[in-house]
N, C-alpha and C. Protein backbone atom coordinates (compact mmCIF):
# COMPACT_ATOMS: atom_id res chain seq x y z
N MET A 1 15.09 112.81 31.41
CA MET A 1 16.20 111.89 30.36
C MET A 1 16.42 111.01 30.73
N PHE A 2 17.23 109.67 30.50
CA PHE A 2 17.43 108.40 31.15
C PHE A 2 18.71 107.83 29.42
N LYS A 3 19.61 107.23 30.03
CA LYS A 3 19.96 107.07 28.99
C LYS A 3 21.10 105.45 29.63
N LEU A 4 21.15 104.18 28.68
CA LEU A 4 21.11 103.42 28.97
C LEU A 4 22.22 102.66 28.57
N SER A 5 23.81 102.28 28.74
CA SER A 5 24.73 101.99 27.60
C SER A 5 25.46 100.45 28.35
N ILE A 6 26.32 99.50 27.37
CA ILE A 6 26.77 98.97 27.71
C ILE A 6 28.19 98.69 27.08
N ALA A 7 29.53 98.59 28.04
CA ALA A 7 30.56 99.01 28.01
C ALA A 7 31.67 97.32 27.56
N GLU A 8 32.06 96.82 27.06
CA GLU A 8 33.28 95.83 27.58
C GLU A 8 34.44 95.97 27.58
N THR A 9 34.75 94.80 28.36
CA THR A 9 35.91 94.95 27.56
C THR A 9 36.23 93.53 28.19
N ASP A 10 37.86 92.81 27.66
CA ASP A 10 38.09 91.42 27.94
C ASP A 10 37.86 91.33 29.90
N ASN A 11 38.11 92.06 30.58
CA ASN A 11 37.36 90.85 31.63
C ASN A 11 37.00 92.02 31.72
N GLN A 12 35.24 92.50 32.15
CA GLN A 12 34.36 93.68 32.25
C GLN A 12 33.44 93.76 31.57
N ARG A 13 32.07 93.85 32.01
CA ARG A 13 30.93 94.17 31.60
C ARG A 13 30.20 95.26 31.94
N ARG A 14 29.59 96.59 31.54
CA ARG A 14 29.20 97.48 32.48
C ARG A 14 28.77 98.08 31.94
N LEU A 15 26.80 98.27 32.60
CA LEU A 15 26.07 98.53 32.04
C LEU A 15 26.16 99.70 32.98
N ILE A 16 26.20 101.22 32.18
CA ILE A 16 26.32 102.35 32.45
C ILE A 16 24.99 103.12 32.25
N LEU A 17 24.31 103.52 33.75
CA LEU A 17 22.63 104.32 33.81
C LEU A 17 23.39 105.99 33.82
N GLU A 18 22.56 106.65 32.96
CA GLU A 18 22.39 107.60 32.79
C GLU A 18 22.15 109.07 32.90
N GLY A 19 21.56 109.97 34.12
CA GLY A 19 19.86 110.46 33.80
C GLY A 19 19.16 110.38 34.89
N LYS A 20 17.76 110.36 35.37
CA LYS A 20 17.06 110.46 35.85
C LYS A 20 16.90 108.90 36.04
N LEU A 21 16.90 107.98 37.27
CA LEU A 21 16.36 106.86 37.44
C LEU A 21 14.97 106.94 38.27
N VAL A 22 14.02 107.02 37.39
CA VAL A 22 12.57 106.94 37.90
C VAL A 22 11.68 105.95 36.77
N ALA A 23 10.60 105.05 37.25
CA ALA A 23 9.79 104.89 36.57
C ALA A 23 8.51 105.46 35.16
N PRO A 24 9.19 105.37 33.84
CA PRO A 24 8.78 104.00 33.68
C PRO A 24 10.01 103.46 33.32
N TRP A 25 11.03 104.06 34.08
CA TRP A 25 13.06 103.24 33.04
C TRP A 25 12.99 102.63 33.88
N THR A 26 12.96 101.73 35.09
CA THR A 26 13.30 100.79 35.97
C THR A 26 12.68 99.79 35.78
N ASP A 27 12.07 99.40 34.50
CA ASP A 27 11.87 98.10 34.31
C ASP A 27 13.16 97.89 33.50
N GLU A 28 12.75 98.79 32.39
CA GLU A 28 14.31 98.45 31.44
C GLU A 28 15.81 97.93 32.10
N ILE A 29 15.97 98.89 33.31
CA ILE A 29 16.90 98.76 33.89
C ILE A 29 16.74 97.48 34.71
N GLU A 30 16.10 96.59 34.91
CA GLU A 30 15.81 95.23 35.32
C GLU A 30 15.80 95.05 34.22
N SER A 31 15.81 94.40 33.32
CA SER A 31 15.78 93.73 31.62
C SER A 31 17.38 93.74 31.64
N ALA A 32 17.52 95.11 31.18
CA ALA A 32 19.12 95.23 30.79
C ALA A 32 19.27 94.17 30.94
N TRP A 33 19.69 94.83 32.73
CA TRP A 33 20.83 93.68 34.43
C TRP A 33 20.65 92.29 33.93
N ARG A 34 18.98 91.90 33.86
CA ARG A 34 18.72 90.39 32.91
C ARG A 34 19.80 90.19 32.00
N ARG A 35 20.09 90.73 30.42
CA ARG A 35 20.03 90.68 29.78
C ARG A 35 22.05 90.53 29.63
N ALA A 36 22.46 91.93 30.56
CA ALA A 36 24.12 91.75 30.53
C ALA A 36 24.02 90.11 31.31
N GLN A 37 23.99 89.80 31.80
CA GLN A 37 24.53 88.01 32.90
C GLN A 37 24.42 87.05 31.70
N GLU A 38 23.69 87.65 30.74
CA GLU A 38 23.56 86.71 29.91
C GLU A 38 25.70 86.32 29.14
N GLY A 39 26.61 85.05 28.98
CA GLY A 39 27.49 85.25 28.06
C GLY A 39 28.10 86.00 28.82
N LEU A 40 28.73 86.22 30.06
CA LEU A 40 29.86 86.62 30.61
C LEU A 40 31.24 86.04 30.05
N GLN A 41 31.49 84.82 30.36
CA GLN A 41 32.29 84.12 30.07
C GLN A 41 33.89 84.38 30.65
N GLY A 42 32.93 84.54 32.57
CA GLY A 42 33.88 85.02 33.37
C GLY A 42 34.21 86.59 33.45
N ARG A 43 34.02 86.86 32.68
CA ARG A 43 33.81 88.99 33.26
C ARG A 43 33.11 89.23 33.83
N LYS A 44 33.74 90.09 34.51
CA LYS A 44 32.39 90.67 36.48
C LYS A 44 31.53 91.26 34.96
N LEU A 45 30.65 92.24 35.86
CA LEU A 45 29.10 92.55 35.19
C LEU A 45 28.90 93.74 36.57
N LEU A 46 29.06 94.98 36.43
CA LEU A 46 28.81 96.19 36.53
C LEU A 46 28.85 97.17 36.53
N VAL A 47 27.80 97.88 37.29
CA VAL A 47 26.30 98.76 36.85
C VAL A 47 26.58 100.02 37.44
N ASP A 48 27.30 101.26 37.03
CA ASP A 48 27.35 102.67 36.76
C ASP A 48 27.01 103.31 36.71
N ILE A 49 26.51 104.02 37.73
CA ILE A 49 25.61 105.10 38.15
C ILE A 49 26.54 106.34 38.39
N THR A 50 27.42 106.51 38.24
CA THR A 50 28.71 107.48 38.07
C THR A 50 27.33 108.81 37.47
N ASN A 51 26.69 108.25 36.48
CA ASN A 51 26.05 109.89 35.90
C ASN A 51 24.57 110.35 36.52
N VAL A 52 23.99 108.77 37.59
CA VAL A 52 22.81 109.18 37.38
C VAL A 52 22.65 110.51 37.90
N THR A 53 21.18 111.64 37.72
CA THR A 53 21.92 112.80 38.52
C THR A 53 20.46 112.90 39.62
N LEU A 54 19.54 112.08 39.76
CA LEU A 54 18.21 111.63 40.63
C LEU A 54 17.80 109.84 40.59
N ILE A 55 17.36 109.83 42.06
CA ILE A 55 16.89 107.91 42.10
C ILE A 55 15.59 108.45 42.87
N ASN A 56 14.70 107.90 42.65
CA ASN A 56 13.32 108.41 43.38
C ASN A 56 12.65 106.73 43.46
N ARG A 57 12.21 106.72 44.47
CA ARG A 57 11.49 105.17 45.18
C ARG A 57 11.70 104.36 44.40
N ASP A 58 11.43 104.67 42.68
CA ASP A 58 10.88 103.59 42.54
C ASP A 58 12.21 103.18 41.37
N GLY A 59 13.29 104.09 42.01
CA GLY A 59 14.64 104.07 41.63
C GLY A 59 15.52 103.18 42.46
N GLU A 60 15.50 103.34 43.66
CA GLU A 60 16.30 103.07 44.52
C GLU A 60 15.44 101.05 45.05
N ALA A 61 14.59 101.11 44.17
CA ALA A 61 13.74 99.63 44.84
C ALA A 61 14.30 99.13 43.68
N ALA A 62 14.41 99.57 42.71
CA ALA A 62 15.26 98.86 41.09
C ALA A 62 16.77 98.69 41.27
N LEU A 63 17.62 100.21 42.39
CA LEU A 63 18.50 99.01 42.15
C LEU A 63 18.92 98.09 43.42
N TYR A 64 17.60 98.00 44.26
CA TYR A 64 17.96 96.98 45.93
C TYR A 64 17.51 95.99 44.89
N LYS A 65 16.99 95.57 43.91
CA LYS A 65 16.27 94.29 42.88
C LYS A 65 17.66 93.59 42.50
N LEU A 66 18.90 94.95 42.39
CA LEU A 66 19.65 93.92 41.29
C LEU A 66 20.55 93.90 42.66
N MET A 67 20.97 94.66 43.29
CA MET A 67 21.76 93.91 44.23
C MET A 67 21.33 92.36 45.20
N ARG A 68 19.90 92.73 45.49
CA ARG A 68 19.48 91.38 45.89
C ARG A 68 20.27 90.50 44.78
N ASP A 69 20.34 90.68 43.37
CA ASP A 69 20.66 89.89 42.77
C ASP A 69 22.03 89.30 42.50
N GLY A 70 22.76 90.60 43.50
CA GLY A 70 24.78 90.41 43.53
C GLY A 70 25.13 91.31 43.31
N ALA A 71 24.19 92.17 42.19
CA ALA A 71 25.44 93.71 41.39
C ALA A 71 26.49 94.38 42.10
N ARG A 72 27.54 94.68 40.93
CA ARG A 72 28.60 95.55 41.86
C ARG A 72 28.17 97.01 40.88
N PHE A 73 27.72 97.52 41.66
CA PHE A 73 28.19 99.26 42.01
C PHE A 73 29.14 100.42 41.84
N ALA A 74 29.08 101.20 40.67
CA ALA A 74 30.44 102.09 40.92
C ALA A 74 29.66 103.56 40.36
N CYS A 75 29.84 104.43 41.05
CA CYS A 75 29.11 105.79 41.36
C CYS A 75 30.10 107.02 42.16
N GLY A 76 29.94 107.85 42.21
CA GLY A 76 30.34 109.36 42.31
C GLY A 76 29.40 110.00 43.07
N GLY A 77 30.29 110.55 44.28
CA GLY A 77 29.04 111.48 44.53
C GLY A 77 28.57 110.98 46.69
N VAL A 78 28.44 111.55 47.00
CA VAL A 78 28.78 111.18 47.83
C VAL A 78 27.32 111.02 48.93
N LEU A 79 26.15 111.40 48.66
CA LEU A 79 24.38 111.16 47.84
C LEU A 79 24.64 109.64 47.46
N THR A 80 24.62 109.23 46.93
CA THR A 80 24.62 108.02 45.53
C THR A 80 25.33 106.63 46.58
N LYS A 81 26.72 107.75 46.77
CA LYS A 81 27.47 106.38 47.66
C LYS A 81 26.39 106.19 49.24
N HIS A 82 26.13 106.53 49.90
CA HIS A 82 25.32 106.25 50.93
C HIS A 82 24.20 106.24 50.78
N LEU A 83 23.93 106.66 49.26
CA LEU A 83 22.39 104.94 49.60
C LEU A 83 22.48 104.21 49.50
N LEU A 84 23.20 103.62 48.17
CA LEU A 84 23.69 102.22 47.62
C LEU A 84 24.42 101.48 49.93
N ARG A 85 25.26 102.24 50.60
CA ARG A 85 24.92 101.79 51.61
C ARG A 85 24.04 101.42 52.45
N GLN A 86 22.95 102.19 52.63
CA GLN A 86 21.41 101.98 52.65
C GLN A 86 20.79 100.91 53.07
N LEU A 87 20.90 100.46 51.67
CA LEU A 87 20.78 99.84 50.36
C LEU A 87 21.07 98.45 51.41
N ALA A 88 22.28 98.03 50.97
CA ALA A 88 23.41 96.82 51.34
C ALA A 88 22.78 96.69 52.05
N ARG A 89 22.59 96.85 53.86
CA ARG A 89 22.40 97.26 54.45
C ARG A 89 21.51 96.33 54.93
N ARG A 90 19.98 97.03 54.06
CA ARG A 90 18.41 96.36 53.81
C ARG A 90 18.39 95.04 53.51
N CYS A 91 19.34 94.77 52.31
CA CYS A 91 20.42 93.89 51.71
C CYS A 91 20.34 92.84 52.40
N ARG A 92 21.64 92.99 53.41
CA ARG A 92 21.61 91.75 54.97
C ARG A 92 20.56 91.66 55.75
N CYS A 93 20.06 92.24 55.77
CA CYS A 93 19.01 92.37 57.03
C CYS A 93 17.68 90.96 56.43
N VAL A 94 18.43 91.19 55.44
CA VAL A 94 16.74 90.28 54.49
C VAL A 94 17.10 89.17 54.87
N LYS A 95 18.47 88.48 54.32
CA LYS A 95 18.89 87.56 53.06
C LYS A 95 19.27 86.39 54.73
């Protein structure tokens, strides 16, 4: 199961991902990210993966692409935070 939703406030647009971050949903995540970047009008864009329950290699690759494109993340859980740190290190090495 996978759910993608968007929450908006005056200063932030939040792309909320829930459930399993696996193919075929990874393509939808990348498309949603591109659409969410449109019309921000100075607001911050945040990808919230707090309620993601599983991230496989395809999911990692999608998060990596978003991170390379400038995504900022909100998350919970030690393993998810560790994964994001590892992806951030990879991003810094590639630049």
